[in-house]
Amino acid sequence: MRQKITLREVGLRDGLQIHPTFMPTAAKLAWIAAEAGSGISEIEVTSYVPPKLIPQFADAQPVTEGALRIAGLMVTALIPNLRGAQRGIELGVHKLNYVMSVSDTHNMKNVRRSSAESVTDFRDIVTLVRSQPGHAQPLVCGGLSTALGCSYEGRIAVSQVVKYAVQLIEAGAQELIVADTVGYADPAQVRAVFKAVLAEVGSVPVAAHFHDTRGLGLANVCAALDCGITRFDASLAGLGGCPFAPGASGNVVMEDLCFMLDSMGYDTGVDIDQLVAVRALVSAALPDMSLQGAIARAGLPQGYRVAAQRLPV
């Protein structure tokens, strides 16, 4: 049995949030359906923020409702605060991805409060979720942005990451995301941070979110794998970037990540050819969007067979 890897597509949120051209709702839903059809089991489809702040998410409701009609898909959404959680609960989203930054400076710029205040807000969100009927309770995930470096503060102390990870777990987080928001990290740093976090959080699942700003995204994935991480965020065509993190560029390319993991013998459940084909939908809807990716450019190696079809060596 190959080890299962869980992949979460974040391009519809992280990838679109800084793009100036609005992607039509129908195109977003076509993207979600096609990527789910390729085998991606979890997609962060939008963010519940005021449209005046990020116009790209003005259609959060119809996008969420359309995604929820796709059988078998885990539909998640990013939330910055209690109001976002309320909206997610009202719409019936499966998972709420709460975002806070380990860096106080980045947190103030991104969500206009200190990191400590964000932890307090998270506690209120968990209380709200637990007050709902059982069938209406989404999963609550705590995201730690700038956990491996910040454009404003530089390197972040491992102890700070662990401190906030523990506080989110104690508040009721059912999953953690440790994020290299600005592509600051290197593999040695990744090992140090994830080992420290995993030593403190018990059985709570931990996911990794890497950006490829400095070309180390896939190397950092390998480092996280060495620590036992089996959940990763990535973005179709490497889309992404934070509007409050100067110099940050896109996420790890989902297609390249799937190829690497499959080549290493892991089970992603993804058809790579089908996944690459989804890029055409994005390009048609947003021709001004720059798409990255080595597999899309070079294709799969001649005679390549997915790991499940290979004979044992």
Protein backbone atom coordinates (compact mmCIF):
# COMPACT_ATOMS: atom_id res chain seq x y z
CA MET A 1 0.00 0.00 0.00
CA ARG A 2 1.37 3.41 -0.99
CA GLN A 3 1.17 6.16 1.60
CA LYS A 4 -1.75 8.49 0.98
CA ILE A 5 -1.09 12.20 0.55
CA THR A 6 -3.92 14.72 0.93
CA LEU A 7 -3.69 17.73 -1.36
CA ARG A 8 -5.69 20.94 -1.00
CA GLU A 9 -6.06 23.26 -4.00
CA VAL A 10 -5.80 26.90 -2.90
CA GLY A 11 -5.56 28.66 -6.25
CA LEU A 12 -9.15 29.84 -6.27
CA ARG A 13 -8.44 31.79 -3.10
CA ASP A 14 -4.69 32.38 -2.81
CA GLY A 15 -4.21 32.46 -6.56
CA LEU A 16 -7.00 34.87 -7.40
CA GLN A 17 -6.90 37.23 -4.42
CA ILE A 18 -4.27 39.55 -5.91
CA HIS A 19 -5.32 39.23 -9.56
CA PRO A 20 -6.94 42.45 -10.80
CA THR A 21 -9.27 40.80 -13.34
CA PHE A 22 -12.44 39.25 -11.95
CA MET A 23 -12.80 35.60 -12.90
CA PRO A 24 -16.42 34.89 -13.89
CA THR A 25 -18.33 32.76 -11.42
CA ALA A 26 -19.15 30.14 -14.04
CA ALA A 27 -15.46 29.80 -14.86
CA LYS A 28 -14.58 29.35 -11.18
CA LEU A 29 -17.17 26.62 -10.85
CA ALA A 30 -15.92 24.92 -14.02
CA TRP A 31 -12.38 25.01 -12.59
CA ILE A 32 -13.56 23.49 -9.30
CA ALA A 33 -15.52 20.72 -11.01
CA ALA A 34 -12.69 19.86 -13.40
CA GLU A 35 -10.06 19.74 -10.71
CA ALA A 36 -12.27 17.65 -8.45
CA GLY A 37 -12.74 15.35 -11.43
CA SER A 38 -8.98 14.93 -11.73
CA GLY A 39 -8.83 13.56 -8.19
CA ILE A 40 -8.20 16.62 -5.99
CA SER A 41 -10.36 15.91 -2.95
CA GLU A 42 -10.23 19.27 -1.14
CA ILE A 43 -10.46 22.78 -2.61
CA GLU A 44 -10.35 26.12 -0.83
CA VAL A 45 -12.93 27.76 -3.04
CA THR A 46 -13.11 31.34 -1.75
CA SER A 47 -12.66 33.68 1.20
CA TYR A 48 -15.41 35.29 3.23
CA VAL A 49 -14.15 38.86 3.25
CA PRO A 50 -15.98 42.07 2.31
CA PRO A 51 -16.01 42.52 -1.49
CA LYS A 52 -14.78 46.09 -1.05
CA LEU A 53 -11.53 44.64 0.31
CA ILE A 54 -11.08 41.86 -2.26
CA PRO A 55 -13.56 42.20 -5.17
CA GLN A 56 -12.50 38.81 -6.53
CA PHE A 57 -14.58 37.16 -3.79
CA ALA A 58 -17.79 39.11 -4.36
CA ASP A 59 -19.32 35.83 -5.61
CA ALA A 60 -18.36 33.83 -2.52
CA GLN A 61 -21.94 32.64 -1.99
CA PRO A 62 -22.67 31.19 -5.46
CA VAL A 63 -19.16 29.71 -5.66
CA THR A 64 -19.61 27.99 -2.30
CA GLU A 65 -23.10 26.76 -3.15
CA GLY A 66 -21.97 25.43 -6.52
CA ALA A 67 -18.93 23.66 -5.07
CA LEU A 68 -21.07 22.02 -2.39
CA ARG A 69 -23.04 20.28 -5.13
CA ILE A 70 -19.95 18.32 -6.24
CA ALA A 71 -20.13 14.86 -4.70
CA GLY A 72 -17.16 13.82 -2.61
CA LEU A 73 -15.44 17.21 -2.59
CA MET A 74 -14.30 18.74 0.70
CA VAL A 75 -15.25 22.40 0.27
CA THR A 76 -13.21 24.79 2.38
CA ALA A 77 -13.03 28.56 2.64
CA LEU A 78 -10.63 31.02 4.23
CA ILE A 79 -11.94 33.17 7.07
CA PRO A 80 -10.18 36.13 8.71
CA ASN A 81 -12.59 36.70 11.60
CA LEU A 82 -15.79 35.76 13.41
CA ARG A 83 -18.01 37.34 10.77
CA GLY A 84 -16.38 35.17 8.13
CA ALA A 85 -17.07 32.11 10.23
CA GLN A 86 -20.72 33.09 10.60
CA ARG A 87 -21.04 33.37 6.84
CA GLY A 88 -19.37 30.03 6.28
CA ILE A 89 -21.71 28.34 8.73
CA GLU A 90 -24.73 29.94 7.03
CA LEU A 91 -23.58 28.66 3.63
CA GLY A 92 -22.79 25.17 4.92
CA VAL A 93 -19.11 25.03 4.00
CA HIS A 94 -17.37 21.84 5.13
CA LYS A 95 -14.24 23.42 6.62
CA LEU A 96 -13.27 26.87 7.85
CA ASN A 97 -9.61 27.77 7.35
CA TYR A 98 -8.86 30.52 9.85
CA VAL A 99 -5.82 32.65 9.08
CA MET A 100 -3.52 34.43 11.50
CA SER A 101 0.17 35.33 11.25
CA VAL A 102 2.94 34.43 13.64
CA SER A 103 4.47 37.76 12.68
CA ASP A 104 2.68 40.55 14.55
CA THR A 105 3.56 43.04 11.82
CA HIS A 106 2.10 40.92 9.04
CA ASN A 107 -0.99 40.13 11.13
CA MET A 108 -1.66 43.84 11.69
CA LYS A 109 -1.40 44.54 7.97
CA ASN A 110 -3.40 41.49 6.93
CA VAL A 111 -6.23 41.36 9.49
CA ARG A 112 -5.68 44.56 11.49
CA ARG A 113 -5.09 43.02 14.88
CA SER A 114 -2.22 41.55 16.89
CA SER A 115 -1.46 37.85 16.74
CA ALA A 116 -2.61 37.47 20.35
CA GLU A 117 -5.93 39.12 19.46
CA SER A 118 -6.33 36.70 16.57
CA VAL A 119 -6.04 33.77 18.97
CA THR A 120 -8.84 35.29 21.06
CA ASP A 121 -10.95 35.66 17.91
CA PHE A 122 -10.27 32.02 17.06
CA ARG A 123 -11.58 30.92 20.46
CA ASP A 124 -14.81 32.80 19.75
CA ILE A 125 -15.08 31.09 16.37
CA VAL A 126 -14.70 27.64 17.91
CA THR A 127 -17.38 28.51 20.49
CA LEU A 128 -19.70 29.61 17.70
CA VAL A 129 -19.12 26.43 15.70
CA ARG A 130 -19.68 24.20 18.73
CA SER A 131 -22.98 25.97 19.42
CA GLN A 132 -24.37 24.75 16.10
CA PRO A 133 -26.27 21.47 15.64
CA GLY A 134 -23.90 18.59 14.99
CA HIS A 135 -24.74 18.29 11.29
CA ALA A 136 -24.09 22.03 10.81
CA GLN A 137 -20.65 22.16 12.40
CA PRO A 138 -17.85 22.71 9.89
CA LEU A 139 -14.36 21.52 10.69
CA VAL A 140 -12.19 24.32 12.06
CA CYS A 141 -8.61 24.64 10.86
CA GLY A 142 -6.06 27.04 12.30
CA GLY A 143 -3.62 28.55 9.82
CA LEU A 144 -0.27 30.01 10.89
CA SER A 145 0.94 32.39 8.18
CA THR A 146 4.53 33.69 8.04
CA ALA A 147 5.55 30.74 10.21
CA LEU A 148 8.84 30.36 8.38
CA GLY A 149 9.67 33.97 7.70
CA CYS A 150 8.17 37.42 7.15
CA SER A 151 8.87 40.17 4.64
CA TYR A 152 8.71 42.67 7.50
CA GLU A 153 10.26 40.84 10.44
CA GLY A 154 12.60 38.39 8.73
CA ARG A 155 13.20 35.00 10.32
CA ILE A 156 10.58 33.88 12.83
CA ALA A 157 11.61 32.10 16.02
CA VAL A 158 10.59 28.44 16.14
CA SER A 159 9.36 29.01 19.69
CA GLN A 160 6.86 31.59 18.40
CA VAL A 161 5.44 29.15 15.87
CA VAL A 162 5.10 26.45 18.52
CA LYS A 163 3.49 28.89 20.96
CA TYR A 164 0.70 29.86 18.57
CA ALA A 165 0.28 26.29 17.29
CA VAL A 166 -0.33 25.11 20.85
CA GLN A 167 -2.71 27.99 21.56
CA LEU A 168 -4.80 27.19 18.48
CA ILE A 169 -4.93 23.51 19.40
CA GLU A 170 -5.94 24.33 22.97
CA ALA A 171 -8.65 26.62 21.56
CA GLY A 172 -10.09 23.73 19.53
CA ALA A 173 -8.37 23.62 16.13
CA GLN A 174 -9.02 20.30 14.40
CA GLU A 175 -6.20 20.83 11.92
CA LEU A 176 -3.22 23.17 11.61
CA ILE A 177 -1.67 24.72 8.52
CA VAL A 178 1.92 25.89 8.87
CA ALA A 179 2.56 28.34 6.04
CA ASP A 180 5.67 29.78 4.41
CA THR A 181 3.69 32.76 3.16
CA VAL A 182 6.59 34.56 1.49
CA GLY A 183 8.70 31.64 0.30
CA TYR A 184 11.36 32.43 2.91
CA ALA A 185 12.08 28.88 4.09
CA ASP A 186 14.78 26.34 3.29
CA PRO A 187 14.62 22.57 3.92
CA ALA A 188 16.69 22.69 7.12
CA GLN A 189 14.40 25.35 8.56
CA VAL A 190 11.33 23.38 7.49
CA ARG A 191 12.56 20.32 9.36
CA ALA A 192 13.26 22.34 12.49
CA VAL A 193 9.86 24.05 12.53
CA PHE A 194 7.71 21.05 11.66
CA LYS A 195 9.48 18.71 14.06
CA ALA A 196 8.98 21.23 16.85
CA VAL A 197 5.31 21.72 16.03
CA LEU A 198 4.58 18.01 15.64
CA ALA A 199 6.18 17.31 19.01
CA GLU A 200 3.56 19.53 20.70
CA VAL A 201 0.27 19.02 18.86
CA GLY A 202 -0.41 15.35 19.44
CA SER A 203 -2.73 13.68 16.96
CA VAL A 204 -4.04 16.89 15.36
CA PRO A 205 -3.30 16.80 11.61
CA VAL A 206 -0.73 19.32 10.37
CA ALA A 207 -0.59 20.55 6.78
CA ALA A 208 2.17 22.47 4.99
CA HIS A 209 1.66 25.50 2.75
CA PHE A 210 4.72 26.49 0.73
CA HIS A 211 5.36 29.27 -1.77
CA ASP A 212 7.99 28.92 -4.47
CA THR A 213 9.19 32.51 -4.31
CA ARG A 214 12.86 31.50 -4.16
CA GLY A 215 12.63 28.19 -5.97
CA LEU A 216 12.65 25.92 -2.91
CA GLY A 217 8.99 24.96 -2.79
CA LEU A 218 9.33 21.31 -3.79
CA ALA A 219 12.53 20.90 -1.76
CA ASN A 220 10.62 22.15 1.25
CA VAL A 221 7.84 19.64 0.54
CA CYS A 222 10.43 16.86 0.66
CA ALA A 223 11.72 18.18 3.98
CA ALA A 224 8.18 18.19 5.38
CA LEU A 225 7.64 14.65 4.11
CA ASP A 226 10.75 13.62 6.04
CA CYS A 227 9.02 14.92 9.18
CA GLY A 228 5.90 12.86 8.50
CA ILE A 229 3.69 15.56 6.97
CA THR A 230 1.14 14.09 4.54
CA ARG A 231 -1.09 17.12 3.88
CA PHE A 232 -0.06 19.88 1.50
CA ASP A 233 -1.56 23.02 -0.02
CA ALA A 234 -0.68 23.84 -3.61
CA SER A 235 -2.07 25.83 -6.49
CA LEU A 236 -2.85 24.97 -10.08
CA ALA A 237 -0.20 26.59 -12.30
CA GLY A 238 1.54 27.99 -9.21
CA LEU A 239 -0.92 30.85 -8.81
CA GLY A 240 -0.84 32.90 -5.64
CA GLY A 241 0.67 35.60 -3.51
CA CYS A 242 -0.30 37.67 -0.49
CA PRO A 243 -1.20 41.36 -1.00
CA PHE A 244 0.36 42.15 2.39
CA ALA A 245 3.63 40.24 1.88
CA PRO A 246 5.91 42.26 -0.42
CA GLY A 247 7.84 40.05 -2.83
CA ALA A 248 5.73 36.95 -2.29
CA SER A 249 4.93 35.01 -5.45
CA GLY A 250 2.98 31.89 -6.21
CA ASN A 251 2.38 28.65 -4.40
CA VAL A 252 3.99 25.34 -5.19
CA VAL A 253 2.66 24.21 -8.59
CA MET A 254 0.03 21.55 -7.97
CA GLU A 255 0.81 19.65 -11.19
CA ASP A 256 4.54 19.49 -10.44
CA LEU A 257 3.86 18.49 -6.84
CA CYS A 258 1.60 15.63 -7.95
CA PHE A 259 4.25 14.42 -10.41
CA MET A 260 6.99 14.52 -7.79
CA LEU A 261 4.91 12.70 -5.18
CA ASP A 262 3.77 10.06 -7.65
CA SER A 263 7.34 9.55 -8.84
CA MET A 264 8.37 9.00 -5.22
CA GLY A 265 5.70 6.32 -4.78
CA TYR A 266 3.11 8.30 -2.82
CA ASP A 267 -0.61 8.04 -3.56
CA THR A 268 -2.21 11.39 -4.40
CA GLY A 269 -5.26 9.94 -6.12
CA VAL A 270 -4.75 12.49 -8.92
CA ASP A 271 -4.71 11.91 -12.68
CA ILE A 272 -1.85 14.20 -13.72
CA ASP A 273 -2.94 14.53 -17.35
CA GLN A 274 -6.46 15.51 -16.31
CA LEU A 275 -5.05 17.99 -13.82
CA VAL A 276 -2.82 19.67 -16.42
CA ALA A 277 -5.83 19.98 -18.74
CA VAL A 278 -7.61 22.16 -16.16
CA ARG A 279 -5.12 24.92 -16.91
CA ALA A 280 -6.88 25.58 -20.22
CA LEU A 281 -10.05 26.62 -18.34
CA VAL A 282 -8.12 29.14 -16.26
CA SER A 283 -6.21 30.49 -19.24
CA ALA A 284 -9.40 30.93 -21.28
CA ALA A 285 -11.13 32.83 -18.48
CA LEU A 286 -8.07 34.90 -17.49
CA PRO A 287 -5.75 35.23 -20.48
CA ASP A 288 -3.74 37.86 -18.58
CA MET A 289 -2.89 35.36 -15.82
CA SER A 290 0.67 34.03 -15.84
CA LEU A 291 0.71 30.23 -15.50
CA GLN A 292 3.76 28.40 -14.16
CA GLY A 293 4.73 24.75 -14.16
CA ALA A 294 7.41 22.41 -15.47
CA ILE A 295 5.13 19.44 -16.21
CA ALA A 296 2.76 21.61 -18.25
CA ARG A 297 5.74 22.95 -20.19
CA ALA A 298 7.73 19.75 -20.73
CA GLY A 299 5.09 17.04 -20.38
CA LEU A 300 5.44 13.75 -18.57
CA PRO A 301 8.63 11.78 -19.34
CA GLN A 302 8.53 9.46 -22.34
CA GLY A 303 6.91 6.17 -21.35
CA TYR A 304 6.06 7.43 -17.87
CA ARG A 305 3.62 5.33 -15.90
CA VAL A 306 2.04 6.39 -12.64
CA ALA A 307 3.34 4.61 -9.57
CA ALA A 308 0.23 2.44 -9.26
CA GLN A 309 0.95 0.93 -12.71
CA ARG A 310 4.64 0.20 -12.17
CA LEU A 311 6.01 -3.21 -11.42
CA PRO A 312 8.08 -3.56 -8.23
CA VAL A 313 11.82 -3.16 -8.81
